[in-house]
Amino acid sequence: MANSPLVPTTEYKFSVEGNDLVMRFPINPTTSKSGKSKLLATTNGAKVFTHDGYDIQMNVNCYVPIAIWDAIQAKGNGKKKS
């Protein structure tokens, strides 16, 4: 992650492949409102997609605690924690 440019975007995709629900989200790290975690991907509330004529509602939040995010970033940038 640290070596890839992260471009903010809200584009995400839902699909059904065979018997699997597939969700694709761009990684868009932002600090949570509480400041305790880094939100990596979100639907920003409930979203609906249609499959076989049925509306399917999704609400997704993927996050990590700030301390873990900072450790990942430090490791990826070649920095060592003291």
N, C-alpha and C. Protein backbone atom coordinates (compact mmCIF):
# COMPACT_ATOMS: atom_id res chain seq x y z
N MET A 1 0.80 -1.19 0.00
CA MET A 1 0.00 0.00 0.00
C MET A 1 0.85 1.26 0.00
N ALA A 2 1.92 1.28 0.79
CA ALA A 2 2.71 2.49 0.94
C ALA A 2 3.37 2.91 -0.37
N ASN A 3 3.66 1.98 -1.26
CA ASN A 3 4.33 2.29 -2.50
C ASN A 3 3.37 2.65 -3.63
N SER A 4 2.08 2.49 -3.41
CA SER A 4 1.10 2.78 -4.45
C SER A 4 0.46 4.13 -4.20
N PRO A 5 0.28 4.94 -5.24
CA PRO A 5 -0.43 6.21 -5.04
C PRO A 5 -1.89 5.92 -4.71
N LEU A 6 -2.40 6.60 -3.71
CA LEU A 6 -3.79 6.40 -3.30
C LEU A 6 -4.61 7.59 -3.77
N VAL A 7 -5.47 7.35 -4.71
CA VAL A 7 -6.29 8.41 -5.28
C VAL A 7 -7.69 8.32 -4.70
N PRO A 8 -8.15 9.38 -4.01
CA PRO A 8 -9.50 9.33 -3.44
C PRO A 8 -10.56 9.11 -4.53
N THR A 9 -11.42 8.16 -4.29
CA THR A 9 -12.52 7.89 -5.21
C THR A 9 -13.63 7.18 -4.45
N THR A 10 -14.83 7.28 -4.93
CA THR A 10 -15.96 6.58 -4.29
C THR A 10 -16.48 5.47 -5.18
N GLU A 11 -15.72 5.11 -6.22
CA GLU A 11 -16.19 4.07 -7.13
C GLU A 11 -16.03 2.69 -6.50
N TYR A 12 -17.12 1.97 -6.42
CA TYR A 12 -17.09 0.60 -5.92
C TYR A 12 -18.06 -0.21 -6.77
N LYS A 13 -17.86 -1.53 -6.77
CA LYS A 13 -18.68 -2.39 -7.62
C LYS A 13 -19.13 -3.61 -6.85
N PHE A 14 -20.36 -4.01 -7.08
CA PHE A 14 -20.92 -5.24 -6.52
C PHE A 14 -21.33 -6.13 -7.67
N SER A 15 -21.12 -7.43 -7.52
CA SER A 15 -21.59 -8.37 -8.52
C SER A 15 -21.80 -9.72 -7.87
N VAL A 16 -22.51 -10.58 -8.55
CA VAL A 16 -22.69 -11.96 -8.11
C VAL A 16 -22.03 -12.83 -9.17
N GLU A 17 -21.06 -13.64 -8.72
CA GLU A 17 -20.35 -14.56 -9.62
C GLU A 17 -20.56 -15.96 -9.09
N GLY A 18 -21.39 -16.72 -9.79
CA GLY A 18 -21.73 -18.06 -9.32
C GLY A 18 -22.51 -17.94 -8.00
N ASN A 19 -21.96 -18.50 -6.96
CA ASN A 19 -22.60 -18.46 -5.65
C ASN A 19 -21.90 -17.47 -4.72
N ASP A 20 -21.10 -16.55 -5.28
CA ASP A 20 -20.34 -15.60 -4.48
C ASP A 20 -20.79 -14.17 -4.74
N LEU A 21 -20.89 -13.40 -3.68
CA LEU A 21 -21.09 -11.96 -3.78
C LEU A 21 -19.70 -11.34 -3.81
N VAL A 22 -19.41 -10.57 -4.86
CA VAL A 22 -18.09 -9.97 -5.03
C VAL A 22 -18.22 -8.46 -4.87
N MET A 23 -17.38 -7.91 -4.00
CA MET A 23 -17.36 -6.46 -3.78
C MET A 23 -15.95 -5.96 -4.07
N ARG A 24 -15.87 -4.89 -4.85
CA ARG A 24 -14.58 -4.29 -5.17
C ARG A 24 -14.61 -2.83 -4.73
N PHE A 25 -13.63 -2.46 -3.91
CA PHE A 25 -13.53 -1.10 -3.40
C PHE A 25 -12.11 -0.58 -3.63
N PRO A 26 -11.97 0.66 -4.02
CA PRO A 26 -10.63 1.24 -4.04
C PRO A 26 -10.21 1.53 -2.60
N ILE A 27 -8.93 1.43 -2.31
CA ILE A 27 -8.43 1.78 -0.99
C ILE A 27 -8.31 3.29 -0.93
N ASN A 28 -9.01 3.89 0.01
CA ASN A 28 -9.07 5.34 0.14
C ASN A 28 -8.96 5.70 1.62
N PRO A 29 -7.75 5.63 2.20
CA PRO A 29 -7.62 5.82 3.65
C PRO A 29 -7.98 7.23 4.11
N THR A 30 -8.90 7.28 5.06
CA THR A 30 -9.27 8.53 5.71
C THR A 30 -9.42 8.26 7.20
N THR A 31 -9.13 9.26 8.00
CA THR A 31 -9.26 9.10 9.44
C THR A 31 -10.74 9.14 9.83
N SER A 32 -11.12 8.26 10.74
CA SER A 32 -12.51 8.21 11.19
C SER A 32 -12.86 9.48 11.96
N LYS A 33 -14.14 9.73 12.13
CA LYS A 33 -14.59 10.91 12.87
C LYS A 33 -14.06 10.92 14.29
N SER A 34 -13.94 9.75 14.90
CA SER A 34 -13.45 9.67 16.28
C SER A 34 -11.93 9.83 16.35
N GLY A 35 -11.25 9.62 15.23
CA GLY A 35 -9.80 9.71 15.20
C GLY A 35 -9.10 8.45 15.70
N LYS A 36 -9.85 7.41 15.98
CA LYS A 36 -9.29 6.18 16.53
C LYS A 36 -8.92 5.14 15.48
N SER A 37 -9.42 5.30 14.27
CA SER A 37 -9.15 4.31 13.25
C SER A 37 -8.98 4.96 11.89
N LYS A 38 -8.42 4.18 10.97
CA LYS A 38 -8.25 4.61 9.59
C LYS A 38 -9.24 3.82 8.76
N LEU A 39 -10.16 4.52 8.14
CA LEU A 39 -11.19 3.91 7.30
C LEU A 39 -10.57 3.69 5.92
N LEU A 40 -10.48 2.43 5.50
CA LEU A 40 -9.83 2.10 4.23
C LEU A 40 -10.79 2.08 3.05
N ALA A 41 -12.02 1.62 3.28
CA ALA A 41 -13.02 1.56 2.21
C ALA A 41 -14.40 1.64 2.86
N THR A 42 -15.32 2.30 2.19
CA THR A 42 -16.67 2.44 2.73
C THR A 42 -17.67 2.70 1.62
N THR A 43 -18.92 2.34 1.89
CA THR A 43 -20.01 2.70 0.99
C THR A 43 -20.63 4.03 1.40
N ASN A 44 -20.18 4.59 2.53
CA ASN A 44 -20.76 5.83 3.07
C ASN A 44 -22.26 5.68 3.26
N GLY A 45 -22.64 4.61 3.93
CA GLY A 45 -24.06 4.33 4.17
C GLY A 45 -24.55 3.21 3.27
N ALA A 46 -25.82 2.95 3.36
CA ALA A 46 -26.41 1.84 2.60
C ALA A 46 -26.47 2.16 1.11
N LYS A 47 -26.08 1.20 0.29
CA LYS A 47 -26.18 1.30 -1.16
C LYS A 47 -26.95 0.10 -1.67
N VAL A 48 -27.62 0.26 -2.78
CA VAL A 48 -28.45 -0.81 -3.34
C VAL A 48 -27.96 -1.17 -4.74
N PHE A 49 -27.85 -2.46 -5.02
CA PHE A 49 -27.62 -2.92 -6.38
C PHE A 49 -28.66 -3.98 -6.68
N THR A 50 -28.89 -4.23 -7.96
CA THR A 50 -29.93 -5.16 -8.38
C THR A 50 -29.30 -6.42 -8.96
N HIS A 51 -29.84 -7.57 -8.55
CA HIS A 51 -29.40 -8.86 -9.10
C HIS A 51 -30.63 -9.72 -9.28
N ASP A 52 -30.80 -10.25 -10.49
CA ASP A 52 -31.95 -11.09 -10.83
C ASP A 52 -33.28 -10.42 -10.46
N GLY A 53 -33.34 -9.10 -10.63
CA GLY A 53 -34.58 -8.37 -10.37
C GLY A 53 -34.82 -8.03 -8.91
N TYR A 54 -33.90 -8.38 -8.03
CA TYR A 54 -34.04 -8.09 -6.61
C TYR A 54 -33.07 -6.99 -6.20
N ASP A 55 -33.54 -6.07 -5.38
CA ASP A 55 -32.66 -5.05 -4.82
C ASP A 55 -31.92 -5.64 -3.63
N ILE A 56 -30.60 -5.49 -3.62
CA ILE A 56 -29.76 -5.98 -2.53
C ILE A 56 -29.09 -4.78 -1.90
N GLN A 57 -29.29 -4.63 -0.60
CA GLN A 57 -28.75 -3.49 0.12
C GLN A 57 -27.43 -3.86 0.79
N MET A 58 -26.41 -2.99 0.63
CA MET A 58 -25.09 -3.23 1.19
C MET A 58 -24.68 -2.02 2.02
N ASN A 59 -23.99 -2.29 3.12
CA ASN A 59 -23.38 -1.25 3.93
C ASN A 59 -22.04 -1.80 4.39
N VAL A 60 -20.94 -1.21 3.92
CA VAL A 60 -19.60 -1.75 4.17
C VAL A 60 -18.69 -0.68 4.75
N ASN A 61 -17.95 -1.04 5.80
CA ASN A 61 -16.88 -0.22 6.35
C ASN A 61 -15.70 -1.13 6.65
N CYS A 62 -14.55 -0.84 6.08
CA CYS A 62 -13.33 -1.59 6.34
C CYS A 62 -12.34 -0.65 7.00
N TYR A 63 -11.84 -1.02 8.18
CA TYR A 63 -10.99 -0.10 8.92
C TYR A 63 -9.96 -0.84 9.75
N VAL A 64 -8.92 -0.10 10.16
CA VAL A 64 -7.89 -0.60 11.07
C VAL A 64 -7.64 0.47 12.13
N PRO A 65 -7.24 0.06 13.35
CA PRO A 65 -6.89 1.05 14.37
C PRO A 65 -5.72 1.92 13.89
N ILE A 66 -5.71 3.18 14.30
CA ILE A 66 -4.68 4.12 13.89
C ILE A 66 -3.28 3.58 14.19
N ALA A 67 -3.07 2.96 15.37
CA ALA A 67 -1.75 2.46 15.73
C ALA A 67 -1.25 1.42 14.73
N ILE A 68 -2.14 0.55 14.27
CA ILE A 68 -1.76 -0.46 13.28
C ILE A 68 -1.47 0.21 11.94
N TRP A 69 -2.30 1.15 11.54
CA TRP A 69 -2.07 1.88 10.29
C TRP A 69 -0.71 2.57 10.31
N ASP A 70 -0.38 3.25 11.42
CA ASP A 70 0.90 3.94 11.53
C ASP A 70 2.07 2.96 11.44
N ALA A 71 1.93 1.78 12.04
CA ALA A 71 2.99 0.77 11.98
C ALA A 71 3.17 0.27 10.55
N ILE A 72 2.07 0.05 9.84
CA ILE A 72 2.14 -0.39 8.45
C ILE A 72 2.83 0.67 7.59
N GLN A 73 2.45 1.93 7.79
CA GLN A 73 3.05 3.01 7.01
C GLN A 73 4.54 3.15 7.30
N ALA A 74 4.92 3.05 8.58
CA ALA A 74 6.33 3.15 8.96
C ALA A 74 7.15 2.03 8.34
N LYS A 75 6.62 0.82 8.37
CA LYS A 75 7.32 -0.32 7.79
C LYS A 75 7.44 -0.17 6.28
N GLY A 76 6.38 0.29 5.63
CA GLY A 76 6.39 0.45 4.18
C GLY A 76 7.30 1.57 3.71
N ASN A 77 7.56 2.54 4.57
CA ASN A 77 8.43 3.66 4.20
C ASN A 77 9.86 3.46 4.65
N GLY A 78 10.19 2.25 5.14
CA GLY A 78 11.55 1.95 5.54
C GLY A 78 11.93 2.48 6.90
N LYS A 79 10.98 2.98 7.65
CA LYS A 79 11.26 3.51 8.99
C LYS A 79 11.13 2.40 10.01
N LYS A 80 11.92 2.46 11.05
CA LYS A 80 11.83 1.48 12.13
C LYS A 80 11.28 2.16 13.38
N LYS A 81 10.39 1.45 14.06
CA LYS A 81 9.84 1.95 15.31
C LYS A 81 10.87 1.79 16.40
N SER A 82 10.99 2.78 17.27
CA SER A 82 11.93 2.69 18.40
C SER A 82 11.30 2.00 19.57
